[in-house]
Amino acid sequence: MKHSRRSLLAMKVLTDVVAVTASWFLAGYLRFFVIPGGDTFGSFVFFLRLVVVVIVFNLYFISRNGLYSEDLEHSWRKETTTMVFSTFEAFLLLVVMLYFLFLGKITRIAIGLHLILSVLFLVMGRTIISDYVRRAYVRGKYTRRILLVGFGENLANFEHALHSDAVKGIIVVGQYDGTDGPIGQLVQLSGSHLHTVVQEHAPDMVVIGYPAVEQDRQRAMIGQAVDLLNERVVMLPNLPQSYIGTKVSDFRWTPMFTLNAAEMGVFQRMIKRTFDVVASLSAIIILSPILALLALLVKLTSPGPVIFKQKRVTRDAEIFTMYKFRSMRTDMSEGDTARWTVEDDPRVTKIGKFMRRTSLDELLQFFNVLGGSMSLIGPRPERPELVEKFNDEIPGYRLRHRFKAGISGWAQVNGWRGDTSLERRIEFDLFYIRNWSFLFDMKIVLFTFFKGFVNENAY
């Protein structure tokens, strides 16, 4: 099994090297021999000599972003997205190096062609490998053997997740030390020591998980697992899903787990804000005819103002005025207690029901983003009175206000909006906050276009 993993790794590295080399050579050929004016941009031979540097840059970022490491979930979309990001990082480093060391010697057209071609060739290469590996799984090649140790809800959820469509080539050899909570129809393994069981069944990965009340039992099993040399060992902590992404640090050899770790640096804030301004301004200009049409429909179909203004809470618990197209009647009050709309809510107008289903009523929030009170991506803003209530009732709710409120968010694109579980919505929001990256924002933007606008729970 170890030999097959090494051969797969070698195949990936070789494919990436060929893809980068081919893109560099082809970019140089097109610029110097096909596109007019190439003779004025330095030597083609000098251009070709830089291919080694280009390969090293690309392999470094591909490796750094985990594309050569083993992953239980082989998602083509995730792998190709990360590949594009890695290629762009290598491209930026290459541009900086060429600017300072070879200013005027390398044509910018050739570098641009290389970026486009390298993305295309690398993604094609990984697509071919992914297809080959999927077919190899059917023949029993490259499969990974997993041993589950312990019992409890976490381990059962892990075993259930292994049956996902995105997880292929997994063989669960059995469950060890699980007599107090057998999982499904898994084979129950016995042995005096974990090392003995591992030697007999030869797993590639050992997954340890116990209930919170079994800490002593788990600690003892971990003591046995750390002695394993050839098997990857992971432990399933008893933590909420929203804590995924939180780092373990130390203070003079004392482990520390920061519960409310969710910080964004100055540079990251600048990137996010720049994208917000450019994207929201572009959206307002492009969507201006639709905005005008919606305003007209709201005005003609029911009496009252076109724009609905409401106080909401954003970053640092600041209160701001959020804009929406009015979708509810003005002659029906919601009462003394703030509440969400429900299905067939009599307060919602006919055009308002359509706008809510399609999220068209929220298009005016691009002006909030442009003004700086909101971001394109972030936790959805709530009313101050609901925030005050949730702060007292739901642990961790205040952490949502580390980031600006957003038009769309990780919870929304996963279906947690409207009259749905507030706890699950908060878990997704906190996961986003703890794992934020610009690439994550781009992923949510993409998901919003495909499944974030229309939602059955938006009444």
Protein backbone atom coordinates (compact mmCIF):
# COMPACT_ATOMS: atom_id res chain seq x y z
CA MET A 1 0.00 0.00 0.00
CA LYS A 2 2.83 2.37 0.83
CA HIS A 3 4.35 1.67 -2.61
CA SER A 4 1.07 2.47 -4.39
CA ARG A 5 0.73 5.77 -2.49
CA ARG A 6 4.25 6.74 -3.52
CA SER A 7 3.54 5.87 -7.15
CA LEU A 8 0.39 8.02 -7.09
CA LEU A 9 2.37 10.92 -5.60
CA ALA A 10 5.06 10.53 -8.27
CA MET A 11 2.37 10.52 -10.94
CA LYS A 12 0.90 13.79 -9.64
CA VAL A 13 4.30 15.51 -9.43
CA LEU A 14 5.32 14.33 -12.90
CA THR A 15 2.01 15.47 -14.41
CA ASP A 16 2.35 18.91 -12.82
CA VAL A 17 5.93 19.27 -14.03
CA VAL A 18 4.90 18.35 -17.59
CA ALA A 19 1.95 20.77 -17.44
CA VAL A 20 4.04 23.71 -16.21
CA THR A 21 6.87 23.00 -18.66
CA ALA A 22 4.50 22.70 -21.60
CA SER A 23 2.68 25.91 -20.71
CA TRP A 24 5.99 27.84 -20.39
CA PHE A 25 7.39 26.55 -23.68
CA LEU A 26 4.12 27.06 -25.54
CA ALA A 27 3.75 30.59 -24.18
CA GLY A 28 7.27 31.41 -25.35
CA TYR A 29 6.68 29.88 -28.78
CA LEU A 30 3.44 31.79 -29.29
CA ARG A 31 4.98 35.09 -28.23
CA PHE A 32 8.28 34.87 -30.13
CA PHE A 33 7.19 33.03 -33.30
CA VAL A 34 3.43 33.51 -33.73
CA ILE A 35 2.40 36.89 -32.28
CA PRO A 36 3.87 39.81 -34.26
CA GLY A 37 6.61 41.87 -32.61
CA GLY A 38 8.20 39.04 -30.67
CA ASP A 39 11.72 39.77 -31.88
CA THR A 40 11.86 42.98 -29.85
CA PHE A 41 11.32 41.22 -26.53
CA GLY A 42 14.59 39.51 -25.71
CA SER A 43 15.95 36.10 -26.47
CA PHE A 44 13.74 33.03 -26.76
CA VAL A 45 16.60 30.88 -25.46
CA PHE A 46 16.95 33.07 -22.36
CA PHE A 47 13.19 32.71 -21.83
CA LEU A 48 13.41 28.90 -21.95
CA ARG A 49 16.18 28.80 -19.35
CA LEU A 50 13.82 30.19 -16.73
CA VAL A 51 11.61 27.09 -16.92
CA VAL A 52 13.37 25.48 -13.94
CA VAL A 53 12.55 28.47 -11.73
CA VAL A 54 8.96 28.43 -12.92
CA ILE A 55 8.61 24.71 -12.12
CA VAL A 56 10.06 25.16 -8.64
CA PHE A 57 7.69 28.06 -7.88
CA ASN A 58 4.63 26.09 -8.98
CA LEU A 59 5.58 22.88 -7.19
CA TYR A 60 6.25 24.83 -4.00
CA PHE A 61 2.80 26.42 -3.87
CA ILE A 62 1.02 23.27 -5.06
CA SER A 63 2.69 21.33 -2.24
CA ARG A 64 2.18 24.14 0.29
CA ASN A 65 -1.57 24.13 -0.39
CA GLY A 66 -1.84 20.41 0.29
CA LEU A 67 -2.32 19.07 -3.21
CA TYR A 68 0.30 16.36 -2.70
CA SER A 69 -1.03 15.21 0.67
CA GLU A 70 -3.55 12.43 1.16
CA ASP A 71 -7.15 13.45 1.73
CA LEU A 72 -10.10 11.25 2.55
CA GLU A 73 -12.37 13.35 0.38
CA HIS A 74 -11.34 13.54 -3.27
CA SER A 75 -13.36 16.50 -4.52
CA TRP A 76 -12.49 17.51 -8.08
CA ARG A 77 -13.98 20.96 -7.54
CA LYS A 78 -11.97 21.56 -4.37
CA GLU A 79 -8.77 20.24 -5.93
CA THR A 80 -9.05 22.31 -9.09
CA THR A 81 -9.98 25.46 -7.16
CA THR A 82 -6.91 25.05 -4.98
CA MET A 83 -4.80 24.35 -8.08
CA VAL A 84 -5.92 27.62 -9.68
CA PHE A 85 -5.12 29.49 -6.48
CA SER A 86 -1.67 27.85 -6.26
CA THR A 87 -0.92 28.74 -9.87
CA PHE A 88 -1.84 32.36 -9.26
CA GLU A 89 0.43 32.49 -6.20
CA ALA A 90 3.35 31.12 -8.25
CA PHE A 91 2.57 33.63 -10.98
CA LEU A 92 2.72 36.57 -8.56
CA LEU A 93 6.06 35.42 -7.16
CA LEU A 94 7.39 34.98 -10.70
CA VAL A 95 6.31 38.50 -11.68
CA VAL A 96 8.03 39.99 -8.62
CA MET A 97 11.25 38.09 -9.37
CA LEU A 98 11.27 39.11 -13.03
CA TYR A 99 10.60 42.74 -12.16
CA PHE A 100 13.58 43.03 -9.83
CA LEU A 101 16.06 40.74 -11.58
CA PHE A 102 15.19 40.78 -15.26
CA LEU A 103 13.40 44.08 -15.84
CA GLY A 104 12.80 44.60 -19.55
CA LYS A 105 14.14 41.17 -20.58
CA ILE A 106 10.91 39.15 -20.37
CA THR A 107 7.80 40.02 -22.33
CA ARG A 108 4.65 40.52 -20.27
CA ILE A 109 2.56 38.92 -23.01
CA ALA A 110 4.48 35.66 -22.63
CA ILE A 111 4.01 35.71 -18.84
CA GLY A 112 0.29 36.30 -19.25
CA LEU A 113 0.01 33.49 -21.77
CA HIS A 114 1.86 31.20 -19.37
CA LEU A 115 -0.63 31.96 -16.57
CA ILE A 116 -3.59 31.06 -18.74
CA LEU A 117 -1.97 27.96 -20.22
CA SER A 118 -0.61 26.69 -16.88
CA VAL A 119 -4.05 26.89 -15.27
CA LEU A 120 -5.55 25.03 -18.23
CA PHE A 121 -2.86 22.32 -18.39
CA LEU A 122 -2.65 21.77 -14.61
CA VAL A 123 -6.41 21.43 -14.25
CA MET A 124 -6.51 19.07 -17.24
CA GLY A 125 -3.73 16.99 -15.68
CA ARG A 126 -5.49 16.71 -12.32
CA THR A 127 -8.76 15.87 -14.07
CA ILE A 128 -7.09 13.00 -15.91
CA ILE A 129 -5.49 11.72 -12.70
CA SER A 130 -8.78 11.99 -10.77
CA ASP A 131 -10.57 9.98 -13.44
CA TYR A 132 -7.78 7.37 -13.42
CA VAL A 133 -7.87 7.06 -9.62
CA ARG A 134 -11.67 6.64 -9.59
CA ARG A 135 -11.37 3.78 -12.06
CA ALA A 136 -8.47 2.33 -10.07
CA TYR A 137 -10.64 2.20 -6.93
CA VAL A 138 -12.97 -0.23 -8.71
CA ARG A 139 -9.98 -2.57 -9.21
CA GLY A 140 -8.99 -2.22 -5.56
CA LYS A 141 -5.96 -0.03 -6.29
CA TYR A 142 -4.99 3.02 -4.19
CA THR A 143 -7.66 2.15 -1.62
CA ARG A 144 -7.14 3.35 1.95
CA ARG A 145 -7.83 1.11 4.93
CA ILE A 146 -9.21 2.78 8.06
CA LEU A 147 -9.42 1.38 11.59
CA LEU A 148 -11.96 3.00 13.93
CA VAL A 149 -11.05 2.98 17.62
CA GLY A 150 -13.58 3.78 20.34
CA PHE A 151 -17.28 4.57 20.16
CA GLY A 152 -19.77 7.41 20.53
CA GLU A 153 -21.59 9.97 18.38
CA ASN A 154 -18.47 11.57 16.88
CA LEU A 155 -17.06 8.27 15.65
CA ALA A 156 -20.46 7.18 14.35
CA ASN A 157 -20.83 10.45 12.42
CA PHE A 158 -17.35 9.98 10.99
CA GLU A 159 -18.17 6.47 9.83
CA HIS A 160 -21.40 7.75 8.25
CA ALA A 161 -19.50 10.53 6.43
CA LEU A 162 -17.21 7.92 4.86
CA HIS A 163 -20.21 6.81 2.78
CA SER A 164 -20.54 10.23 1.13
CA ASP A 165 -20.48 10.37 -2.68
CA ALA A 166 -17.33 12.52 -2.50
CA VAL A 167 -15.43 9.85 -0.53
CA LYS A 168 -14.14 6.96 -2.62
CA GLY A 169 -11.65 4.14 -2.19
CA ILE A 170 -12.19 3.72 1.57
CA ILE A 171 -12.24 0.34 3.34
CA VAL A 172 -13.15 0.30 7.05
CA VAL A 173 -11.38 -2.75 8.44
CA GLY A 174 -13.38 -2.71 11.68
CA GLN A 175 -13.97 -1.14 15.10
CA TYR A 176 -11.63 -1.70 18.02
CA ASP A 177 -12.60 -1.11 21.67
CA GLY A 178 -16.18 -0.43 20.62
CA THR A 179 -18.07 -2.99 22.70
CA ASP A 180 -19.83 -0.18 24.62
CA GLY A 181 -21.14 1.33 21.39
CA PRO A 182 -20.82 -0.76 18.21
CA ILE A 183 -21.28 1.21 15.00
CA GLY A 184 -23.68 -0.31 12.47
CA GLN A 185 -22.53 -3.61 11.09
CA LEU A 186 -18.81 -2.97 11.52
CA VAL A 187 -16.64 -5.94 12.44
CA GLN A 188 -15.70 -5.76 16.12
CA LEU A 189 -11.98 -6.35 16.51
CA SER A 190 -10.31 -7.66 19.63
CA GLY A 191 -6.75 -7.61 20.89
CA SER A 192 -4.71 -6.96 24.00
CA HIS A 193 -3.07 -3.86 22.51
CA LEU A 194 -3.78 -1.43 19.65
CA HIS A 195 -0.38 -2.22 18.12
CA THR A 196 -1.36 -5.91 17.85
CA VAL A 197 -4.62 -5.07 16.06
CA VAL A 198 -2.82 -2.73 13.67
CA GLN A 199 -0.22 -5.37 12.81
CA GLU A 200 -2.95 -7.91 12.07
CA HIS A 201 -5.23 -5.72 9.92
CA ALA A 202 -2.68 -3.27 8.41
CA PRO A 203 -4.74 -0.06 8.27
CA ASP A 204 -3.38 3.11 6.64
CA MET A 205 -5.20 5.36 9.10
CA VAL A 206 -6.35 4.96 12.70
CA VAL A 207 -9.25 7.18 13.81
CA ILE A 208 -9.82 7.52 17.57
CA GLY A 209 -13.04 8.85 19.04
CA TYR A 210 -14.71 8.52 22.44
CA PRO A 211 -17.55 10.29 24.28
CA ALA A 212 -16.59 13.19 26.55
CA VAL A 213 -17.21 11.09 29.66
CA GLU A 214 -14.56 8.58 28.56
CA GLN A 215 -11.54 10.91 28.67
CA ASP A 216 -9.40 8.51 30.71
CA ARG A 217 -10.12 5.68 28.30
CA GLN A 218 -9.35 7.90 25.32
CA ARG A 219 -6.11 9.14 26.90
CA ALA A 220 -4.94 5.58 27.43
CA MET A 221 -5.70 4.67 23.80
CA ILE A 222 -3.87 7.75 22.55
CA GLY A 223 -0.85 6.61 24.54
CA GLN A 224 -0.87 3.39 22.53
CA ALA A 225 -1.53 5.16 19.21
CA VAL A 226 1.42 7.56 19.35
CA ASP A 227 3.77 4.56 19.14
CA LEU A 228 2.48 3.66 15.67
CA LEU A 229 5.10 4.54 13.07
CA ASN A 230 3.64 3.72 9.66
CA GLU A 231 -0.01 4.58 10.18
CA ARG A 232 -1.58 8.02 10.24
CA VAL A 233 -3.42 8.58 13.54
CA VAL A 234 -6.17 11.17 14.01
CA MET A 235 -8.38 11.95 16.99
CA LEU A 236 -11.96 13.26 16.91
CA PRO A 237 -12.27 15.93 19.64
CA ASN A 238 -15.56 16.53 21.41
CA LEU A 239 -16.07 20.03 20.03
CA PRO A 240 -18.86 21.76 18.06
CA GLN A 241 -18.49 21.88 14.28
CA SER A 242 -18.09 25.65 14.42
CA TYR A 243 -14.68 25.21 16.11
CA ILE A 244 -13.20 23.72 12.93
CA GLY A 245 -10.24 25.87 11.95
CA THR A 246 -9.32 26.95 15.48
CA LYS A 247 -5.58 26.56 16.10
CA VAL A 248 -3.88 25.03 19.13
CA SER A 249 -0.97 27.20 20.32
CA ASP A 250 1.17 27.17 23.44
CA PHE A 251 2.53 29.39 26.16
CA ARG A 252 5.84 28.07 27.45
CA TRP A 253 4.84 24.46 26.67
CA THR A 254 1.32 24.84 28.04
CA PRO A 255 -1.22 24.08 25.25
CA MET A 256 -3.73 26.85 24.58
CA PHE A 257 -6.97 26.64 22.62
CA THR A 258 -8.35 30.11 21.88
CA LEU A 259 -12.12 29.78 22.01
CA ASN A 260 -12.98 33.05 20.28
CA ALA A 261 -10.12 33.08 17.75
CA ALA A 262 -11.44 35.00 14.75
CA GLU A 263 -9.19 37.84 13.68
CA MET A 264 -8.62 39.43 10.28
CA GLY A 265 -5.37 41.29 9.64
CA VAL A 266 -5.13 44.78 8.19
CA PHE A 267 -4.02 43.53 4.78
CA GLN A 268 -6.87 41.00 4.65
CA ARG A 269 -9.37 43.72 5.58
CA MET A 270 -8.03 45.89 2.76
CA ILE A 271 -8.44 43.05 0.26
CA LYS A 272 -11.98 42.30 1.42
CA ARG A 273 -12.99 45.97 1.40
CA THR A 274 -11.50 46.58 -2.04
CA PHE A 275 -13.43 43.65 -3.45
CA ASP A 276 -16.62 44.87 -1.74
CA VAL A 277 -16.34 48.35 -3.26
CA VAL A 278 -15.49 47.18 -6.77
CA ALA A 279 -18.09 44.39 -6.85
CA SER A 280 -20.95 46.39 -5.27
CA LEU A 281 -20.38 49.41 -7.51
CA SER A 282 -20.29 47.17 -10.58
CA ALA A 283 -23.46 45.40 -9.44
CA ILE A 284 -25.32 48.69 -8.91
CA ILE A 285 -24.39 49.90 -12.40
CA ILE A 286 -25.24 46.60 -14.12
CA LEU A 287 -28.46 46.01 -12.18
CA SER A 288 -29.75 49.60 -12.32
CA PRO A 289 -32.54 48.75 -14.87
CA ILE A 290 -33.73 45.88 -12.63
CA LEU A 291 -33.60 48.12 -9.56
CA ALA A 292 -35.73 50.71 -11.33
CA LEU A 293 -38.24 48.05 -12.46
CA LEU A 294 -38.55 46.58 -8.95
CA ALA A 295 -39.06 50.05 -7.48
CA LEU A 296 -41.86 50.68 -9.97
CA LEU A 297 -43.55 47.33 -9.24
CA VAL A 298 -43.44 47.90 -5.48
CA LYS A 299 -44.94 51.38 -5.90
CA LEU A 300 -47.73 50.25 -8.24
CA THR A 301 -48.80 47.09 -6.37
CA SER A 302 -49.23 48.37 -2.81
CA PRO A 303 -49.39 51.71 -0.98
CA GLY A 304 -46.37 52.80 1.00
CA PRO A 305 -42.69 53.64 0.49
CA VAL A 306 -40.56 51.77 -2.04
CA ILE A 307 -37.58 51.34 0.28
CA PHE A 308 -37.86 49.55 3.60
CA LYS A 309 -35.36 50.72 6.23
CA GLN A 310 -34.58 48.72 9.34
CA LYS A 311 -31.99 48.83 12.09
CA ARG A 312 -29.58 45.90 12.04
CA VAL A 313 -26.33 44.93 13.80
CA THR A 314 -22.95 44.58 12.06
CA ARG A 315 -19.28 44.30 13.08
CA ASP A 316 -18.38 45.28 16.65
CA ALA A 317 -22.12 45.22 17.46
CA GLU A 318 -22.62 48.56 15.70
CA ILE A 319 -26.19 49.39 14.65
CA PHE A 320 -26.78 50.55 11.07
CA THR A 321 -29.72 51.15 8.73
CA MET A 322 -30.21 48.34 6.23
CA TYR A 323 -32.05 48.95 2.94
CA LYS A 324 -34.42 46.56 1.20
CA PHE A 325 -37.26 46.85 -1.27
CA ARG A 326 -40.47 46.90 0.74
CA SER A 327 -42.11 43.48 0.54
CA MET A 328 -44.74 43.78 3.29
CA ARG A 329 -47.97 45.73 3.76
CA THR A 330 -47.74 48.95 5.73
CA ASP A 331 -51.18 48.58 7.34
CA MET A 332 -50.33 45.41 9.32
CA SER A 333 -48.03 45.59 12.33
CA GLU A 334 -45.88 42.64 13.43
CA GLY A 335 -46.86 43.35 17.03
CA ASP A 336 -44.76 44.14 20.06
CA THR A 337 -42.37 41.21 19.57
CA ALA A 338 -39.90 41.04 16.69
CA ARG A 339 -40.29 37.85 14.67
CA TRP A 340 -39.36 36.34 11.34
CA THR A 341 -41.84 35.91 8.54
CA VAL A 342 -43.41 32.47 8.18
CA GLU A 343 -44.95 30.59 5.28
CA ASP A 344 -48.08 32.31 3.88
CA ASP A 345 -47.46 35.31 6.13
CA PRO A 346 -50.43 37.68 5.54
CA ARG A 347 -48.15 40.72 5.89
CA VAL A 348 -46.23 39.88 2.69
CA THR A 349 -47.46 41.42 -0.58
CA LYS A 350 -47.76 39.43 -3.80
CA ILE A 351 -44.73 41.04 -5.44
CA GLY A 352 -43.01 40.91 -2.05
CA LYS A 353 -43.42 37.13 -1.89
CA PHE A 354 -41.71 36.78 -5.27
CA MET A 355 -38.89 39.15 -4.29
CA ARG A 356 -38.28 37.29 -1.02
CA ARG A 357 -38.18 33.90 -2.75
CA THR A 358 -35.63 35.18 -5.26
CA SER A 359 -33.78 37.54 -2.85
CA LEU A 360 -34.47 40.47 -5.20
CA ASP A 361 -35.65 42.57 -2.25
CA GLU A 362 -32.07 42.51 -0.92
CA LEU A 363 -30.43 44.04 -4.00
CA LEU A 364 -30.52 47.47 -2.37
CA GLN A 365 -28.03 46.19 0.19
CA PHE A 366 -25.32 46.75 -2.42
CA PHE A 367 -25.63 50.39 -1.33
CA ASN A 368 -24.98 49.28 2.27
CA VAL A 369 -21.87 47.46 1.08
CA LEU A 370 -20.70 50.49 -0.88
CA GLY A 371 -21.23 52.67 2.19
CA GLY A 372 -19.20 50.32 4.39
CA SER A 373 -21.85 49.12 6.87
CA MET A 374 -22.04 45.67 5.24
CA SER A 375 -19.86 43.31 3.22
CA LEU A 376 -20.81 41.14 0.26
CA ILE A 377 -20.04 38.01 2.30
CA GLY A 378 -20.57 37.62 6.04
CA PRO A 379 -23.13 36.57 8.65
CA ARG A 380 -26.60 37.88 7.91
CA PRO A 381 -27.48 40.90 10.09
CA GLU A 382 -30.18 40.65 12.75
CA ARG A 383 -32.30 43.28 14.48
CA PRO A 384 -30.90 44.73 17.71
CA GLU A 385 -33.74 43.34 19.84
CA LEU A 386 -33.18 39.81 18.49
CA VAL A 387 -29.41 40.15 18.93
CA GLU A 388 -29.90 41.12 22.57
CA LYS A 389 -32.13 38.09 23.06
CA PHE A 390 -29.78 35.65 21.29
CA ASN A 391 -26.74 36.99 23.15
CA ASP A 392 -28.28 35.77 26.40
CA GLU A 393 -29.59 32.47 25.06
CA ILE A 394 -26.99 31.15 22.59
CA PRO A 395 -23.32 30.63 23.54
CA GLY A 396 -20.94 32.13 21.00
CA TYR A 397 -23.52 34.31 19.28
CA ARG A 398 -21.51 37.50 19.89
CA LEU A 399 -18.64 36.06 17.87
CA ARG A 400 -20.69 36.68 14.71
CA HIS A 401 -20.01 40.37 15.18
CA ARG A 402 -16.26 40.01 14.68
CA PHE A 403 -17.02 40.43 10.95
CA LYS A 404 -19.26 42.82 9.03
CA ALA A 405 -22.74 41.58 8.24
CA GLY A 406 -23.07 40.26 4.69
CA ILE A 407 -25.59 40.09 1.85
CA SER A 408 -24.80 36.39 1.51
CA GLY A 409 -22.95 33.95 3.74
CA TRP A 410 -21.86 30.38 4.33
CA ALA A 411 -25.06 29.62 6.25
CA GLN A 412 -27.29 31.03 3.50
CA VAL A 413 -25.73 29.08 0.61
CA ASN A 414 -26.13 25.90 2.69
CA GLY A 415 -29.87 26.53 3.11
CA TRP A 416 -29.86 27.93 6.66
CA ARG A 417 -31.93 31.06 6.23
CA GLY A 418 -35.44 32.22 7.10
CA ASP A 419 -37.41 30.09 9.54
CA THR A 420 -34.75 27.39 10.03
CA SER A 421 -32.60 26.17 12.93
CA LEU A 422 -30.87 29.18 14.47
CA GLU A 423 -28.26 26.96 16.12
CA ARG A 424 -27.21 25.41 12.81
CA ARG A 425 -27.11 28.82 11.17
CA ILE A 426 -24.79 30.12 13.87
CA GLU A 427 -22.55 27.06 13.57
CA PHE A 428 -22.08 27.79 9.86
CA ASP A 429 -21.47 31.49 10.54
CA LEU A 430 -18.84 30.73 13.16
CA PHE A 431 -17.18 28.21 10.86
CA TYR A 432 -16.93 30.94 8.21
CA ILE A 433 -15.48 33.44 10.69
CA ARG A 434 -12.84 31.04 12.01
CA ASN A 435 -11.84 29.86 8.52
CA TRP A 436 -12.10 33.07 6.53
CA SER A 437 -9.98 33.57 3.46
CA PHE A 438 -10.47 35.57 0.27
CA LEU A 439 -10.74 32.27 -1.60
CA PHE A 440 -13.51 31.20 0.80
CA ASP A 441 -15.37 34.42 -0.03
CA MET A 442 -15.04 33.70 -3.75
CA LYS A 443 -16.40 30.21 -3.17
CA ILE A 444 -19.47 31.62 -1.40
CA VAL A 445 -19.99 34.17 -4.19
CA LEU A 446 -19.96 31.32 -6.71
CA PHE A 447 -22.35 29.22 -4.61
CA THR A 448 -24.66 32.22 -4.21
CA PHE A 449 -25.12 32.44 -7.97
CA PHE A 450 -25.94 28.75 -8.26
CA LYS A 451 -28.07 28.12 -5.18
CA GLY A 452 -28.10 31.13 -2.88
CA PHE A 453 -30.74 33.40 -4.43
CA VAL A 454 -33.78 31.13 -4.53
CA ASN A 455 -34.56 29.36 -1.27
CA GLU A 456 -37.64 27.45 -0.10
CA ASN A 457 -37.24 28.78 3.44
CA ALA A 458 -37.33 32.46 2.43
CA TYR A 459 -40.92 33.57 3.05
